[in-house]
Amino acid sequence: MLDQAISTQFQMFGFGFVVAGEGNWKGFGHNGGAPGMSGDLHVFPRLGYVLVSLSNLDPPASTRSLEFIEARLPEAP
């Protein structure tokens, strides 16, 4: 079941997850929010990284903080 959820089904979407990246950085995740809250999840199985960002601010606050950290991660943990 997880394999289906994280496999590209429709363009870049799996069943409930966005599937993106290439090579070791191929991963999946999901984000969302509403006024006053936002959250993001990015999982990179080959690298062993799971990133979660929660914010008490409107979107895209959690996305920006997660992308800041993600850009600074080493290729191999």
PDB file of N, CA and C in Angstrom:
ATOM      1  N   MET A   1       0.811  -1.182   0.000  1.00  0.00           N
ATOM      2  CA  MET A   1       0.000   0.000   0.000  1.00  0.00           C
ATOM      3  C   MET A   1       0.862   1.257   0.000  1.00  0.00           C
ATOM      4  N   LEU A   2       1.919   1.297   0.839  1.00  0.00           N
ATOM      5  CA  LEU A   2       2.799   2.456   0.870  1.00  0.00           C
ATOM      6  C   LEU A   2       3.457   2.673  -0.486  1.00  0.00           C
ATOM      7  N   ASP A   3       3.867   1.586  -1.148  1.00  0.00           N
ATOM      8  CA  ASP A   3       4.491   1.720  -2.468  1.00  0.00           C
ATOM      9  C   ASP A   3       3.577   2.438  -3.445  1.00  0.00           C
ATOM     10  N   GLN A   4       2.295   2.147  -3.415  1.00  0.00           N
ATOM     11  CA  GLN A   4       1.349   2.838  -4.292  1.00  0.00           C
ATOM     12  C   GLN A   4       1.215   4.309  -3.916  1.00  0.00           C
ATOM     13  N   ALA A   5       1.185   4.588  -2.631  1.00  0.00           N
ATOM     14  CA  ALA A   5       0.993   5.961  -2.168  1.00  0.00           C
ATOM     15  C   ALA A   5       2.159   6.857  -2.550  1.00  0.00           C
ATOM     16  N   ILE A   6       3.372   6.293  -2.627  1.00  0.00           N
ATOM     17  CA  ILE A   6       4.537   7.117  -2.907  1.00  0.00           C
ATOM     18  C   ILE A   6       5.071   6.937  -4.327  1.00  0.00           C
ATOM     19  N   SER A   7       4.360   6.209  -5.169  1.00  0.00           N
ATOM     20  CA  SER A   7       4.726   6.070  -6.579  1.00  0.00           C
ATOM     21  C   SER A   7       3.986   7.129  -7.386  1.00  0.00           C
ATOM     22  N   THR A   8       4.672   7.677  -8.386  1.00  0.00           N
ATOM     23  CA  THR A   8       4.037   8.690  -9.221  1.00  0.00           C
ATOM     24  C   THR A   8       2.848   8.082  -9.951  1.00  0.00           C
ATOM     25  N   GLN A   9       1.690   8.650  -9.748  1.00  0.00           N
ATOM     26  CA  GLN A   9       0.474   8.168 -10.382  1.00  0.00           C
ATOM     27  C   GLN A   9      -0.028   9.152 -11.443  1.00  0.00           C
ATOM     28  N   PHE A  10      -0.144  10.399 -11.076  1.00  0.00           N
ATOM     29  CA  PHE A  10      -0.663  11.441 -11.955  1.00  0.00           C
ATOM     30  C   PHE A  10       0.317  12.599 -11.946  1.00  0.00           C
ATOM     31  N   GLN A  11       1.085  12.748 -13.011  1.00  0.00           N
ATOM     32  CA  GLN A  11       2.144  13.752 -13.113  1.00  0.00           C
ATOM     33  C   GLN A  11       3.091  13.607 -11.934  1.00  0.00           C
ATOM     34  N   MET A  12       3.032  14.473 -10.931  1.00  0.00           N
ATOM     35  CA  MET A  12       3.965  14.352  -9.806  1.00  0.00           C
ATOM     36  C   MET A  12       3.268  13.942  -8.523  1.00  0.00           C
ATOM     37  N   PHE A  13       2.044  13.453  -8.604  1.00  0.00           N
ATOM     38  CA  PHE A  13       1.308  13.097  -7.401  1.00  0.00           C
ATOM     39  C   PHE A  13       1.138  11.597  -7.274  1.00  0.00           C
ATOM     40  N   GLY A  14       1.330  11.102  -6.063  1.00  0.00           N
ATOM     41  CA  GLY A  14       0.984   9.729  -5.728  1.00  0.00           C
ATOM     42  C   GLY A  14      -0.423   9.752  -5.156  1.00  0.00           C
ATOM     43  N   PHE A  15      -0.779   8.789  -4.370  1.00  0.00           N
ATOM     44  CA  PHE A  15      -2.085   8.770  -3.717  1.00  0.00           C
ATOM     45  C   PHE A  15      -1.960   9.484  -2.373  1.00  0.00           C
ATOM     46  N   GLY A  16      -2.128  10.787  -2.379  1.00  0.00           N
ATOM     47  CA  GLY A  16      -2.064  11.559  -1.151  1.00  0.00           C
ATOM     48  C   GLY A  16      -0.736  12.236  -0.896  1.00  0.00           C
ATOM     49  N   PHE A  17       0.299  11.922  -1.672  1.00  0.00           N
ATOM     50  CA  PHE A  17       1.608  12.529  -1.493  1.00  0.00           C
ATOM     51  C   PHE A  17       2.077  13.156  -2.799  1.00  0.00           C
ATOM     52  N   VAL A  18       2.875  14.204  -2.676  1.00  0.00           N
ATOM     53  CA  VAL A  18       3.592  14.733  -3.833  1.00  0.00           C
ATOM     54  C   VAL A  18       4.878  13.927  -3.928  1.00  0.00           C
ATOM     55  N   VAL A  19       5.197  13.444  -5.121  1.00  0.00           N
ATOM     56  CA  VAL A  19       6.413  12.673  -5.359  1.00  0.00           C
ATOM     57  C   VAL A  19       7.315  13.530  -6.235  1.00  0.00           C
ATOM     58  N   ALA A  20       8.539  13.817  -5.761  1.00  0.00           N
ATOM     59  CA  ALA A  20       9.424  14.714  -6.507  1.00  0.00           C
ATOM     60  C   ALA A  20      10.880  14.365  -6.261  1.00  0.00           C
ATOM     61  N   GLY A  21      11.747  14.957  -7.057  1.00  0.00           N
ATOM     62  CA  GLY A  21      13.189  14.787  -6.908  1.00  0.00           C
ATOM     63  C   GLY A  21      13.734  13.683  -7.784  1.00  0.00           C
ATOM     64  N   GLU A  22      15.065  13.562  -7.754  1.00  0.00           N
ATOM     65  CA  GLU A  22      15.752  12.552  -8.556  1.00  0.00           C
ATOM     66  C   GLU A  22      16.850  11.897  -7.737  1.00  0.00           C
ATOM     67  N   GLY A  23      17.220  10.697  -8.125  1.00  0.00           N
ATOM     68  CA  GLY A  23      18.316   9.999  -7.459  1.00  0.00           C
ATOM     69  C   GLY A  23      18.064   9.854  -5.967  1.00  0.00           C
ATOM     70  N   ASN A  24      19.102  10.131  -5.179  1.00  0.00           N
ATOM     71  CA  ASN A  24      18.969  10.026  -3.721  1.00  0.00           C
ATOM     72  C   ASN A  24      17.961  11.021  -3.170  1.00  0.00           C
ATOM     73  N   TRP A  25      17.735  12.100  -3.887  1.00  0.00           N
ATOM     74  CA  TRP A  25      16.822  13.144  -3.407  1.00  0.00           C
ATOM     75  C   TRP A  25      15.382  12.897  -3.848  1.00  0.00           C
ATOM     76  N   LYS A  26      15.095  11.726  -4.455  1.00  0.00           N
ATOM     77  CA  LYS A  26      13.699  11.415  -4.782  1.00  0.00           C
ATOM     78  C   LYS A  26      12.971  11.126  -3.472  1.00  0.00           C
ATOM     79  N   GLY A  27      11.862  11.801  -3.301  1.00  0.00           N
ATOM     80  CA  GLY A  27      11.135  11.631  -2.059  1.00  0.00           C
ATOM     81  C   GLY A  27       9.662  11.934  -2.219  1.00  0.00           C
ATOM     82  N   PHE A  28       8.989  11.987  -1.104  1.00  0.00           N
ATOM     83  CA  PHE A  28       7.563  12.254  -1.116  1.00  0.00           C
ATOM     84  C   PHE A  28       7.213  13.105   0.085  1.00  0.00           C
ATOM     85  N   GLY A  29       6.064  13.719   0.022  1.00  0.00           N
ATOM     86  CA  GLY A  29       5.641  14.555   1.131  1.00  0.00           C
ATOM     87  C   GLY A  29       4.256  15.121   0.925  1.00  0.00           C
ATOM     88  N   HIS A  30       3.902  15.995   1.838  1.00  0.00           N
ATOM     89  CA  HIS A  30       2.577  16.612   1.796  1.00  0.00           C
ATOM     90  C   HIS A  30       2.653  17.913   2.586  1.00  0.00           C
ATOM     91  N   ASN A  31       1.842  18.881   2.193  1.00  0.00           N
ATOM     92  CA  ASN A  31       1.786  20.117   2.959  1.00  0.00           C
ATOM     93  C   ASN A  31       0.364  20.640   2.977  1.00  0.00           C
ATOM     94  N   GLY A  32       0.134  21.589   3.842  1.00  0.00           N
ATOM     95  CA  GLY A  32      -1.186  22.191   3.919  1.00  0.00           C
ATOM     96  C   GLY A  32      -1.224  23.256   4.990  1.00  0.00           C
ATOM     97  N   GLY A  33      -2.336  23.908   5.066  1.00  0.00           N
ATOM     98  CA  GLY A  33      -2.463  24.946   6.066  1.00  0.00           C
ATOM     99  C   GLY A  33      -3.763  25.705   5.906  1.00  0.00           C
ATOM    100  N   ALA A  34      -3.912  26.673   6.769  1.00  0.00           N
ATOM    101  CA  ALA A  34      -5.070  27.551   6.792  1.00  0.00           C
ATOM    102  C   ALA A  34      -4.596  28.838   7.467  1.00  0.00           C
ATOM    103  N   PRO A  35      -5.428  29.854   7.502  1.00  0.00           N
ATOM    104  CA  PRO A  35      -4.988  31.076   8.166  1.00  0.00           C
ATOM    105  C   PRO A  35      -4.500  30.795   9.593  1.00  0.00           C
ATOM    106  N   GLY A  36      -3.259  31.182   9.858  1.00  0.00           N
ATOM    107  CA  GLY A  36      -2.697  31.012  11.188  1.00  0.00           C
ATOM    108  C   GLY A  36      -2.004  29.696  11.457  1.00  0.00           C
ATOM    109  N   MET A  37      -1.898  28.808  10.450  1.00  0.00           N
ATOM    110  CA  MET A  37      -1.206  27.536  10.669  1.00  0.00           C
ATOM    111  C   MET A  37      -0.778  26.930   9.337  1.00  0.00           C
ATOM    112  N   SER A  38       0.344  26.228   9.357  1.00  0.00           N
ATOM    113  CA  SER A  38       0.810  25.519   8.164  1.00  0.00           C
ATOM    114  C   SER A  38       1.730  24.388   8.584  1.00  0.00           C
ATOM    115  N   GLY A  39       1.832  23.390   7.728  1.00  0.00           N
ATOM    116  CA  GLY A  39       2.681  22.238   8.012  1.00  0.00           C
ATOM    117  C   GLY A  39       3.195  21.600   6.743  1.00  0.00           C
ATOM    118  N   ASP A  40       4.378  21.026   6.821  1.00  0.00           N
ATOM    119  CA  ASP A  40       5.005  20.346   5.693  1.00  0.00           C
ATOM    120  C   ASP A  40       5.683  19.070   6.168  1.00  0.00           C
ATOM    121  N   LEU A  41       5.697  18.069   5.297  1.00  0.00           N
ATOM    122  CA  LEU A  41       6.393  16.809   5.529  1.00  0.00           C
ATOM    123  C   LEU A  41       7.146  16.457   4.263  1.00  0.00           C
ATOM    124  N   HIS A  42       8.456  16.220   4.360  1.00  0.00           N
ATOM    125  CA  HIS A  42       9.268  15.736   3.241  1.00  0.00           C
ATOM    126  C   HIS A  42      10.010  14.500   3.729  1.00  0.00           C
ATOM    127  N   VAL A  43       9.943  13.410   2.968  1.00  0.00           N
ATOM    128  CA  VAL A  43      10.615  12.160   3.326  1.00  0.00           C
ATOM    129  C   VAL A  43      11.530  11.765   2.165  1.00  0.00           C
ATOM    130  N   PHE A  44      12.789  11.520   2.486  1.00  0.00           N
ATOM    131  CA  PHE A  44      13.776  11.073   1.503  1.00  0.00           C
ATOM    132  C   PHE A  44      14.281   9.704   1.947  1.00  0.00           C
ATOM    133  N   PRO A  45      13.617   8.625   1.506  1.00  0.00           N
ATOM    134  CA  PRO A  45      13.933   7.283   1.998  1.00  0.00           C
ATOM    135  C   PRO A  45      15.381   6.851   1.761  1.00  0.00           C
ATOM    136  N   ARG A  46      15.941   7.161   0.606  1.00  0.00           N
ATOM    137  CA  ARG A  46      17.309   6.708   0.301  1.00  0.00           C
ATOM    138  C   ARG A  46      18.351   7.364   1.192  1.00  0.00           C
ATOM    139  N   LEU A  47      18.065   8.571   1.661  1.00  0.00           N
ATOM    140  CA  LEU A  47      19.011   9.282   2.523  1.00  0.00           C
ATOM    141  C   LEU A  47      18.697   9.119   4.002  1.00  0.00           C
ATOM    142  N   GLY A  48      17.522   8.616   4.306  1.00  0.00           N
ATOM    143  CA  GLY A  48      17.133   8.436   5.692  1.00  0.00           C
ATOM    144  C   GLY A  48      16.672   9.713   6.377  1.00  0.00           C
ATOM    145  N   TYR A  49      16.269  10.717   5.601  1.00  0.00           N
ATOM    146  CA  TYR A  49      15.802  11.977   6.167  1.00  0.00           C
ATOM    147  C   TYR A  49      14.279  12.040   6.197  1.00  0.00           C
ATOM    148  N   VAL A  50      13.754  12.500   7.310  1.00  0.00           N
ATOM    149  CA  VAL A  50      12.332  12.832   7.441  1.00  0.00           C
ATOM    150  C   VAL A  50      12.299  14.237   8.030  1.00  0.00           C
ATOM    151  N   LEU A  51      11.756  15.180   7.263  1.00  0.00           N
ATOM    152  CA  LEU A  51      11.701  16.569   7.702  1.00  0.00           C
ATOM    153  C   LEU A  51      10.254  16.971   7.938  1.00  0.00           C
ATOM    154  N   VAL A  52      10.017  17.591   9.085  1.00  0.00           N
ATOM    155  CA  VAL A  52       8.681  18.058   9.435  1.00  0.00           C
ATOM    156  C   VAL A  52       8.804  19.508   9.869  1.00  0.00           C
ATOM    157  N   SER A  53       7.942  20.348   9.343  1.00  0.00           N
ATOM    158  CA  SER A  53       7.923  21.754   9.743  1.00  0.00           C
ATOM    159  C   SER A  53       6.487  22.139  10.064  1.00  0.00           C
ATOM    160  N   LEU A  54       6.269  22.640  11.274  1.00  0.00           N
ATOM    161  CA  LEU A  54       4.958  23.111  11.710  1.00  0.00           C
ATOM    162  C   LEU A  54       5.082  24.576  12.088  1.00  0.00           C
ATOM    163  N   SER A  55       4.087  25.361  11.724  1.00  0.00           N
ATOM    164  CA  SER A  55       4.166  26.794  11.981  1.00  0.00           C
ATOM    165  C   SER A  55       2.820  27.349  12.440  1.00  0.00           C
ATOM    166  N   ASN A  56       2.881  28.327  13.302  1.00  0.00           N
ATOM    167  CA  ASN A  56       1.678  29.057  13.717  1.00  0.00           C
ATOM    168  C   ASN A  56       1.517  30.322  12.882  1.00  0.00           C
ATOM    169  N   LEU A  57       1.940  30.248  11.627  1.00  0.00           N
ATOM    170  CA  LEU A  57       1.814  31.345  10.674  1.00  0.00           C
ATOM    171  C   LEU A  57       1.127  30.843   9.417  1.00  0.00           C
ATOM    172  N   ASP A  58       0.573  31.765   8.649  1.00  0.00           N
ATOM    173  CA  ASP A  58      -0.085  31.404   7.385  1.00  0.00           C
ATOM    174  C   ASP A  58       0.900  30.698   6.451  1.00  0.00           C
ATOM    175  N   PRO A  59       0.364  29.833   5.555  1.00  0.00           N
ATOM    176  CA  PRO A  59       1.221  29.263   4.517  1.00  0.00           C
ATOM    177  C   PRO A  59       1.776  30.404   3.661  1.00  0.00           C
ATOM    178  N   PRO A  60       2.964  30.299   3.173  1.00  0.00           N
ATOM    179  CA  PRO A  60       3.872  29.152   3.135  1.00  0.00           C
ATOM    180  C   PRO A  60       4.963  29.187   4.195  1.00  0.00           C
ATOM    181  N   ALA A  61       4.707  29.648   5.391  1.00  0.00           N
ATOM    182  CA  ALA A  61       5.742  29.761   6.426  1.00  0.00           C
ATOM    183  C   ALA A  61       6.458  28.434   6.678  1.00  0.00           C
ATOM    184  N   SER A  62       5.725  27.348   6.823  1.00  0.00           N
ATOM    185  CA  SER A  62       6.374  26.055   7.096  1.00  0.00           C
ATOM    186  C   SER A  62       7.171  25.572   5.890  1.00  0.00           C
ATOM    187  N   THR A  63       6.700  25.852   4.694  1.00  0.00           N
ATOM    188  CA  THR A  63       7.418  25.448   3.480  1.00  0.00           C
ATOM    189  C   THR A  63       8.753  26.160   3.397  1.00  0.00           C
ATOM    190  N   ARG A  64       8.763  27.446   3.668  1.00  0.00           N
ATOM    191  CA  ARG A  64      10.013  28.217   3.578  1.00  0.00           C
ATOM    192  C   ARG A  64      11.059  27.720   4.579  1.00  0.00           C
ATOM    193  N   SER A  65      10.644  27.453   5.799  1.00  0.00           N
ATOM    194  CA  SER A  65      11.617  26.989   6.795  1.00  0.00           C
ATOM    195  C   SER A  65      12.125  25.594   6.453  1.00  0.00           C
ATOM    196  N   LEU A  66      11.261  24.725   5.960  1.00  0.00           N
ATOM    197  CA  LEU A  66      11.673  23.371   5.594  1.00  0.00           C
ATOM    198  C   LEU A  66      12.631  23.406   4.406  1.00  0.00           C
ATOM    199  N   GLU A  67      12.344  24.224   3.400  1.00  0.00           N
ATOM    200  CA  GLU A  67      13.222  24.327   2.237  1.00  0.00           C
ATOM    201  C   GLU A  67      14.582  24.907   2.613  1.00  0.00           C
ATOM    202  N   PHE A  68      14.627  25.823   3.589  1.00  0.00           N
ATOM    203  CA  PHE A  68      15.890  26.378   4.072  1.00  0.00           C
ATOM    204  C   PHE A  68      16.772  25.266   4.639  1.00  0.00           C
ATOM    205  N   ILE A  69      16.190  24.412   5.471  1.00  0.00           N
ATOM    206  CA  ILE A  69      16.938  23.303   6.074  1.00  0.00           C
ATOM    207  C   ILE A  69      17.316  22.268   5.030  1.00  0.00           C
ATOM    208  N   GLU A  70      16.368  21.919   4.165  1.00  0.00           N
ATOM    209  CA  GLU A  70      16.599  20.894   3.141  1.00  0.00           C
ATOM    210  C   GLU A  70      17.778  21.255   2.237  1.00  0.00           C
ATOM    211  N   ALA A  71      17.913  22.520   1.883  1.00  0.00           N
ATOM    212  CA  ALA A  71      19.005  22.964   1.006  1.00  0.00           C
ATOM    213  C   ALA A  71      20.378  22.820   1.657  1.00  0.00           C
ATOM    214  N   ARG A  72      20.424  22.646   2.960  1.00  0.00           N
ATOM    215  CA  ARG A  72      21.679  22.558   3.682  1.00  0.00           C
ATOM    216  C   ARG A  72      22.025  21.150   4.173  1.00  0.00           C
ATOM    217  N   LEU A  73      21.205  20.186   3.824  1.00  0.00           N
ATOM    218  CA  LEU A  73      21.455  18.808   4.247  1.00  0.00           C
ATOM    219  C   LEU A  73      22.567  18.179   3.413  1.00  0.00           C
ATOM    220  N   PRO A  74      23.413  17.362   4.013  1.00  0.00           N
ATOM    221  CA  PRO A  74      24.435  16.649   3.238  1.00  0.00           C
ATOM    222  C   PRO A  74      23.803  15.535   2.404  1.00  0.00           C
ATOM    223  N   GLU A  75      24.500  15.159   1.365  1.00  0.00           N
ATOM    224  CA  GLU A  75      24.033  14.083   0.478  1.00  0.00           C
ATOM    225  C   GLU A  75      23.906  12.765   1.229  1.00  0.00           C
ATOM    226  N   ALA A  76      24.803  12.516   2.155  1.00  0.00           N
ATOM    227  CA  ALA A  76      24.734  11.276   2.928  1.00  0.00           C
ATOM    228  C   ALA A  76      24.726  11.628   4.413  1.00  0.00           C
ATOM    229  N   PRO A  77      23.732  11.106   5.140  1.00  0.00           N
ATOM    230  CA  PRO A  77      23.672  11.416   6.591  1.00  0.00           C
ATOM    231  C   PRO A  77      24.818  10.766   7.361  1.00  0.00           C
TER     232      PRO A  77
END
